[in-house]
Amino acid sequence: QVQLVESGGGLVQAGGSLRLSCAASRSIFSFNRMGWYRQVPGKQRELVATIMSGGSTNYADSVKGRFTISRDDAENTVYLQMNSLKPEDTSAYYCNAATTFRVYWGQGTQVTVSS
């Protein structure tokens, strides 16, 4: 069973930065894609950013230019650097890892941006 453990969430003022980490319990080489999603109560979970095994990245329009996804294969960790945070970025953020046959989720970490 794969475990994804997120960390790095917290409370930050608008305009500030946070870096989220997602540590996997096995080599992230085994995943075709890893990513970050977010969800607020009453709304669907939405994609924030993904990174493929080859390194290509994809971002939601709402975070382009502000967020950066990266990976450290040696540490089996994926990061989400979030800059210029806005109150509307307030959400629970979830790490996601996908193979051809399965999708795994972390437990989530809360990010709160105050105005």
Protein backbone atom coordinates (compact mmCIF):
# COMPACT_ATOMS: atom_id res chain seq x y z
CA GLN A 1 0.00 0.00 0.00
CA VAL A 2 1.36 3.39 -0.99
CA GLN A 3 1.36 6.21 1.52
CA LEU A 4 1.52 9.87 0.57
CA VAL A 5 2.20 12.23 3.44
CA GLU A 6 1.68 15.96 2.90
CA SER A 7 3.18 18.68 5.02
CA GLY A 8 3.85 22.39 4.88
CA GLY A 9 0.36 23.82 5.13
CA GLY A 10 -0.54 26.61 7.50
CA LEU A 11 -1.76 30.16 7.89
CA VAL A 12 -0.18 32.89 5.80
CA GLN A 13 -1.04 36.46 4.88
CA ALA A 14 -2.04 37.37 1.36
CA GLY A 15 1.03 37.87 -0.78
CA GLY A 16 3.02 35.37 1.23
CA SER A 17 4.49 32.00 0.31
CA LEU A 18 4.29 28.40 1.43
CA ARG A 19 5.92 25.22 0.21
CA LEU A 20 3.98 21.99 0.42
CA SER A 21 5.75 18.63 0.45
CA CYS A 22 4.41 15.19 -0.43
CA ALA A 23 6.57 12.30 0.68
CA ALA A 24 5.84 8.93 -0.92
CA SER A 25 6.45 5.58 0.76
CA ARG A 26 8.04 4.17 -2.37
CA SER A 27 10.02 5.39 -5.33
CA ILE A 28 8.16 8.06 -7.25
CA PHE A 29 9.67 6.63 -10.44
CA SER A 30 6.86 4.08 -10.20
CA PHE A 31 4.20 6.75 -10.79
CA ASN A 32 3.25 8.01 -14.22
CA ARG A 33 2.05 11.26 -12.77
CA MET A 34 2.03 13.08 -9.47
CA GLY A 35 0.13 16.18 -8.60
CA TRP A 36 -1.61 18.50 -6.22
CA TYR A 37 -5.33 19.07 -5.96
CA ARG A 38 -7.37 21.23 -3.64
CA GLN A 39 -10.87 21.17 -2.25
CA VAL A 40 -13.01 23.48 -0.18
CA PRO A 41 -16.12 22.23 1.61
CA GLY A 42 -19.10 21.92 -0.69
CA LYS A 43 -17.07 22.05 -3.87
CA GLN A 44 -15.44 19.48 -6.11
CA ARG A 45 -11.78 18.71 -5.78
CA GLU A 46 -9.87 20.63 -8.42
CA LEU A 47 -6.51 20.18 -10.07
CA VAL A 48 -3.78 22.59 -9.05
CA ALA A 49 -0.68 21.19 -10.74
CA THR A 50 0.71 17.93 -12.08
CA ILE A 51 4.15 16.66 -12.99
CA MET A 52 4.71 13.68 -15.23
CA SER A 53 7.42 11.07 -14.82
CA GLY A 54 9.29 12.73 -17.68
CA GLY A 55 9.15 16.08 -15.92
CA SER A 56 6.51 17.94 -17.92
CA THR A 57 4.18 20.05 -15.83
CA ASN A 58 0.64 21.35 -16.03
CA TYR A 59 -1.07 24.06 -13.99
CA ALA A 60 -4.55 25.33 -13.39
CA ASP A 61 -5.01 28.76 -14.94
CA SER A 62 -5.71 30.24 -11.52
CA VAL A 63 -2.21 29.39 -10.24
CA LYS A 64 -0.06 29.81 -13.35
CA GLY A 65 2.87 32.08 -12.69
CA ARG A 66 2.46 31.80 -8.92
CA PHE A 67 2.80 28.09 -8.11
CA THR A 68 5.58 25.70 -9.12
CA ILE A 69 5.49 21.93 -8.87
CA SER A 70 8.75 20.02 -8.66
CA ARG A 71 10.06 16.63 -7.68
CA ASP A 72 13.08 15.23 -5.89
CA ASP A 73 13.45 11.66 -7.05
CA ALA A 74 16.17 10.87 -4.53
CA GLU A 75 13.89 11.92 -1.67
CA ASN A 76 10.70 10.44 -3.21
CA THR A 77 9.08 13.81 -2.65
CA VAL A 78 7.02 16.20 -4.72
CA TYR A 79 6.80 19.86 -3.82
CA LEU A 80 4.40 22.70 -4.49
CA GLN A 81 5.95 26.13 -4.09
CA MET A 82 3.16 28.65 -3.69
CA ASN A 83 3.98 32.33 -4.05
CA SER A 84 1.82 35.46 -4.11
CA LEU A 85 -0.90 33.62 -2.23
CA LYS A 86 -4.43 34.95 -2.36
CA PRO A 87 -7.36 34.42 0.01
CA GLU A 88 -9.05 32.36 -2.71
CA ASP A 89 -6.17 29.86 -2.47
CA THR A 90 -7.49 28.87 0.96
CA SER A 91 -8.27 25.18 0.76
CA ALA A 92 -7.26 21.69 1.78
CA TYR A 93 -4.48 20.57 -0.55
CA TYR A 94 -4.11 16.91 -1.48
CA CYS A 95 -1.21 15.05 -3.02
CA ASN A 96 -2.02 12.58 -5.78
CA ALA A 97 0.00 9.83 -7.42
CA ALA A 98 -1.10 7.73 -10.35
CA THR A 99 0.08 4.54 -12.00
CA THR A 100 -1.53 2.95 -15.02
CA PHE A 101 -3.92 1.04 -12.78
CA ARG A 102 -4.34 2.98 -9.54
CA VAL A 103 -4.61 6.42 -8.06
CA TYR A 104 -3.41 7.25 -4.56
CA TRP A 105 -4.26 10.21 -2.34
CA GLY A 106 -2.70 11.76 0.71
CA GLN A 107 -4.64 12.87 3.76
CA GLY A 108 -4.45 16.56 2.88
CA THR A 109 -2.93 19.65 4.42
CA GLN A 110 -4.80 22.88 5.10
CA VAL A 111 -3.68 26.18 3.61
CA THR A 112 -5.34 29.33 4.91
CA VAL A 113 -4.58 32.72 3.38
CA SER A 114 -5.74 35.74 5.34
CA SER A 115 -6.54 39.04 3.67
